[in-house]
Amino acid sequence: MSPKRRSTVRRWIVPLASVVLAFLVLAGAGVAYMLGTERGALWTLGALHRLGVQVEEVQGRLLGPLELRGLSYQSEDLDLQVGRVAL
Protein backbone atom coordinates (compact mmCIF):
# COMPACT_ATOMS: atom_id res chain seq x y z
CA MET A 1 0.00 0.00 0.00
CA SER A 2 1.37 3.40 -0.92
CA PRO A 3 2.04 6.03 1.80
CA LYS A 4 -0.62 8.31 0.31
CA ARG A 5 -3.22 5.52 0.43
CA ARG A 6 -2.35 4.77 4.10
CA SER A 7 -2.81 8.38 5.16
CA THR A 8 -6.20 8.51 3.40
CA VAL A 9 -7.32 5.35 5.18
CA ARG A 10 -6.15 6.74 8.55
CA ARG A 11 -7.95 9.99 7.83
CA TRP A 12 -11.23 8.05 7.65
CA ILE A 13 -10.63 5.25 10.15
CA VAL A 14 -9.61 7.38 13.14
CA PRO A 15 -12.68 9.69 13.09
CA LEU A 16 -15.01 6.78 12.36
CA ALA A 17 -13.56 4.73 15.21
CA SER A 18 -13.86 7.78 17.49
CA VAL A 19 -17.55 8.20 16.63
CA VAL A 20 -18.25 4.50 17.20
CA LEU A 21 -16.39 4.57 20.53
CA ALA A 22 -18.26 7.70 21.65
CA PHE A 23 -21.58 6.05 20.75
CA LEU A 24 -20.69 2.92 22.72
CA VAL A 25 -19.65 4.97 25.77
CA LEU A 26 -22.90 6.98 25.66
CA ALA A 27 -24.99 3.84 25.21
CA GLY A 28 -23.23 2.19 28.15
CA ALA A 29 -23.76 5.26 30.30
CA GLY A 30 -27.47 5.27 29.38
CA VAL A 31 -27.88 1.61 30.31
CA ALA A 32 -26.00 2.16 33.58
CA TYR A 33 -28.29 5.11 34.35
CA MET A 34 -31.45 3.12 33.63
CA LEU A 35 -30.38 0.09 35.64
CA GLY A 36 -28.45 1.74 38.44
CA THR A 37 -30.57 4.69 39.53
CA GLU A 38 -34.09 5.13 40.87
CA ARG A 39 -34.70 7.88 38.32
CA GLY A 40 -33.69 5.47 35.56
CA ALA A 41 -36.10 2.87 36.92
CA LEU A 42 -38.88 5.47 36.89
CA TRP A 43 -38.11 6.39 33.29
CA THR A 44 -37.92 2.76 32.15
CA LEU A 45 -41.13 1.76 33.90
CA GLY A 46 -42.81 4.90 32.59
CA ALA A 47 -41.94 3.78 29.06
CA LEU A 48 -43.89 0.56 29.72
CA HIS A 49 -47.05 2.66 30.10
CA ARG A 50 -47.62 2.29 26.34
CA LEU A 51 -47.89 -1.47 26.83
CA GLY A 52 -50.57 -1.13 29.49
CA VAL A 53 -48.28 -1.38 32.53
CA GLN A 54 -48.77 1.23 35.24
CA VAL A 55 -46.86 1.71 38.48
CA GLU A 56 -47.92 4.20 41.15
CA GLU A 57 -44.71 4.19 43.21
CA VAL A 58 -41.15 3.03 42.57
CA GLN A 59 -38.46 2.69 45.22
CA GLY A 60 -35.01 1.42 44.37
CA ARG A 61 -33.28 0.62 41.12
CA LEU A 62 -33.74 -2.04 38.47
CA LEU A 63 -30.54 -3.81 39.54
CA GLY A 64 -32.11 -4.16 42.98
CA PRO A 65 -33.39 -3.86 45.51
CA LEU A 66 -36.60 -2.67 43.87
CA GLU A 67 -40.07 -2.15 45.32
CA LEU A 68 -43.10 -1.37 43.17
CA ARG A 69 -46.44 -0.31 44.59
CA GLY A 70 -49.72 -0.07 42.74
CA LEU A 71 -48.62 -2.22 39.81
CA SER A 72 -51.33 -2.84 37.23
CA TYR A 73 -51.55 -4.27 33.74
CA GLN A 74 -54.53 -4.16 31.45
CA SER A 75 -55.02 -5.87 28.13
CA GLU A 76 -57.98 -7.13 26.18
CA ASP A 77 -57.98 -10.46 28.03
CA LEU A 78 -56.36 -9.62 31.36
CA ASP A 79 -56.75 -7.11 34.17
CA LEU A 80 -53.99 -7.59 36.74
CA GLN A 81 -53.51 -5.48 39.88
CA VAL A 82 -50.79 -6.02 42.46
CA GLY A 83 -50.48 -3.91 45.61
CA ARG A 84 -46.76 -4.41 46.25
CA VAL A 85 -43.89 -6.22 44.55
CA ALA A 86 -40.42 -6.45 46.08
CA LEU A 87 -37.51 -7.70 43.99
C-alpha atoms as a PDB file:
ATOM      1  CA  MET A   1       0.000   0.000   0.000  1.00  0.00           C
ATOM      2  CA  SER A   2       1.371   3.402  -0.918  1.00  0.00           C
ATOM      3  CA  PRO A   3       2.038   6.029   1.800  1.00  0.00           C
ATOM      4  CA  LYS A   4      -0.618   8.305   0.308  1.00  0.00           C
ATOM      5  CA  ARG A   5      -3.216   5.522   0.433  1.00  0.00           C
ATOM      6  CA  ARG A   6      -2.347   4.772   4.097  1.00  0.00           C
ATOM      7  CA  SER A   7      -2.808   8.382   5.159  1.00  0.00           C
ATOM      8  CA  THR A   8      -6.204   8.513   3.395  1.00  0.00           C
ATOM      9  CA  VAL A   9      -7.324   5.353   5.182  1.00  0.00           C
ATOM     10  CA  ARG A  10      -6.152   6.741   8.546  1.00  0.00           C
ATOM     11  CA  ARG A  11      -7.948   9.987   7.831  1.00  0.00           C
ATOM     12  CA  TRP A  12     -11.233   8.054   7.653  1.00  0.00           C
ATOM     13  CA  ILE A  13     -10.631   5.250  10.147  1.00  0.00           C
ATOM     14  CA  VAL A  14      -9.615   7.378  13.144  1.00  0.00           C
ATOM     15  CA  PRO A  15     -12.681   9.692  13.091  1.00  0.00           C
ATOM     16  CA  LEU A  16     -15.013   6.776  12.357  1.00  0.00           C
ATOM     17  CA  ALA A  17     -13.558   4.733  15.213  1.00  0.00           C
ATOM     18  CA  SER A  18     -13.859   7.778  17.494  1.00  0.00           C
ATOM     19  CA  VAL A  19     -17.547   8.202  16.635  1.00  0.00           C
ATOM     20  CA  VAL A  20     -18.247   4.499  17.199  1.00  0.00           C
ATOM     21  CA  LEU A  21     -16.389   4.574  20.530  1.00  0.00           C
ATOM     22  CA  ALA A  22     -18.264   7.699  21.651  1.00  0.00           C
ATOM     23  CA  PHE A  23     -21.579   6.048  20.747  1.00  0.00           C
ATOM     24  CA  LEU A  24     -20.691   2.915  22.721  1.00  0.00           C
ATOM     25  CA  VAL A  25     -19.654   4.970  25.765  1.00  0.00           C
ATOM     26  CA  LEU A  26     -22.900   6.978  25.658  1.00  0.00           C
ATOM     27  CA  ALA A  27     -24.995   3.836  25.207  1.00  0.00           C
ATOM     28  CA  GLY A  28     -23.232   2.190  28.146  1.00  0.00           C
ATOM     29  CA  ALA A  29     -23.764   5.264  30.298  1.00  0.00           C
ATOM     30  CA  GLY A  30     -27.467   5.267  29.383  1.00  0.00           C
ATOM     31  CA  VAL A  31     -27.878   1.607  30.311  1.00  0.00           C
ATOM     32  CA  ALA A  32     -25.999   2.156  33.585  1.00  0.00           C
ATOM     33  CA  TYR A  33     -28.286   5.115  34.351  1.00  0.00           C
ATOM     34  CA  MET A  34     -31.453   3.122  33.633  1.00  0.00           C
ATOM     35  CA  LEU A  35     -30.381   0.087  35.640  1.00  0.00           C
ATOM     36  CA  GLY A  36     -28.447   1.738  38.438  1.00  0.00           C
ATOM     37  CA  THR A  37     -30.574   4.690  39.528  1.00  0.00           C
ATOM     38  CA  GLU A  38     -34.089   5.134  40.873  1.00  0.00           C
ATOM     39  CA  ARG A  39     -34.701   7.880  38.322  1.00  0.00           C
ATOM     40  CA  GLY A  40     -33.691   5.474  35.557  1.00  0.00           C
ATOM     41  CA  ALA A  41     -36.096   2.871  36.916  1.00  0.00           C
ATOM     42  CA  LEU A  42     -38.882   5.472  36.895  1.00  0.00           C
ATOM     43  CA  TRP A  43     -38.107   6.394  33.290  1.00  0.00           C
ATOM     44  CA  THR A  44     -37.920   2.761  32.153  1.00  0.00           C
ATOM     45  CA  LEU A  45     -41.135   1.756  33.904  1.00  0.00           C
ATOM     46  CA  GLY A  46     -42.807   4.903  32.586  1.00  0.00           C
ATOM     47  CA  ALA A  47     -41.939   3.779  29.062  1.00  0.00           C
ATOM     48  CA  LEU A  48     -43.890   0.556  29.723  1.00  0.00           C
ATOM     49  CA  HIS A  49     -47.052   2.657  30.102  1.00  0.00           C
ATOM     50  CA  ARG A  50     -47.622   2.289  26.340  1.00  0.00           C
ATOM     51  CA  LEU A  51     -47.886  -1.470  26.827  1.00  0.00           C
ATOM     52  CA  GLY A  52     -50.565  -1.130  29.494  1.00  0.00           C
ATOM     53  CA  VAL A  53     -48.276  -1.384  32.535  1.00  0.00           C
ATOM     54  CA  GLN A  54     -48.765   1.229  35.245  1.00  0.00           C
ATOM     55  CA  VAL A  55     -46.855   1.710  38.484  1.00  0.00           C
ATOM     56  CA  GLU A  56     -47.919   4.197  41.150  1.00  0.00           C
ATOM     57  CA  GLU A  57     -44.712   4.188  43.209  1.00  0.00           C
ATOM     58  CA  VAL A  58     -41.147   3.029  42.567  1.00  0.00           C
ATOM     59  CA  GLN A  59     -38.463   2.694  45.222  1.00  0.00           C
ATOM     60  CA  GLY A  60     -35.007   1.415  44.367  1.00  0.00           C
ATOM     61  CA  ARG A  61     -33.276   0.618  41.116  1.00  0.00           C
ATOM     62  CA  LEU A  62     -33.742  -2.036  38.475  1.00  0.00           C
ATOM     63  CA  LEU A  63     -30.541  -3.812  39.541  1.00  0.00           C
ATOM     64  CA  GLY A  64     -32.108  -4.157  42.981  1.00  0.00           C
ATOM     65  CA  PRO A  65     -33.389  -3.865  45.514  1.00  0.00           C
ATOM     66  CA  LEU A  66     -36.604  -2.666  43.867  1.00  0.00           C
ATOM     67  CA  GLU A  67     -40.067  -2.150  45.318  1.00  0.00           C
ATOM     68  CA  LEU A  68     -43.099  -1.372  43.170  1.00  0.00           C
ATOM     69  CA  ARG A  69     -46.444  -0.308  44.586  1.00  0.00           C
ATOM     70  CA  GLY A  70     -49.723  -0.068  42.743  1.00  0.00           C
ATOM     71  CA  LEU A  71     -48.620  -2.224  39.807  1.00  0.00           C
ATOM     72  CA  SER A  72     -51.325  -2.839  37.235  1.00  0.00           C
ATOM     73  CA  TYR A  73     -51.555  -4.274  33.739  1.00  0.00           C
ATOM     74  CA  GLN A  74     -54.529  -4.159  31.450  1.00  0.00           C
ATOM     75  CA  SER A  75     -55.016  -5.867  28.131  1.00  0.00           C
ATOM     76  CA  GLU A  76     -57.976  -7.130  26.180  1.00  0.00           C
ATOM     77  CA  ASP A  77     -57.981 -10.462  28.031  1.00  0.00           C
ATOM     78  CA  LEU A  78     -56.361  -9.622  31.360  1.00  0.00           C
ATOM     79  CA  ASP A  79     -56.749  -7.112  34.175  1.00  0.00           C
ATOM     80  CA  LEU A  80     -53.994  -7.586  36.736  1.00  0.00           C
ATOM     81  CA  GLN A  81     -53.515  -5.484  39.880  1.00  0.00           C
ATOM     82  CA  VAL A  82     -50.790  -6.023  42.461  1.00  0.00           C
ATOM     83  CA  GLY A  83     -50.484  -3.911  45.609  1.00  0.00           C
ATOM     84  CA  ARG A  84     -46.764  -4.411  46.248  1.00  0.00           C
ATOM     85  CA  VAL A  85     -43.891  -6.224  44.548  1.00  0.00           C
ATOM     86  CA  ALA A  86     -40.422  -6.451  46.077  1.00  0.00           C
ATOM     87  CA  LEU A  87     -37.511  -7.700  43.987  1.00  0.00           C
END
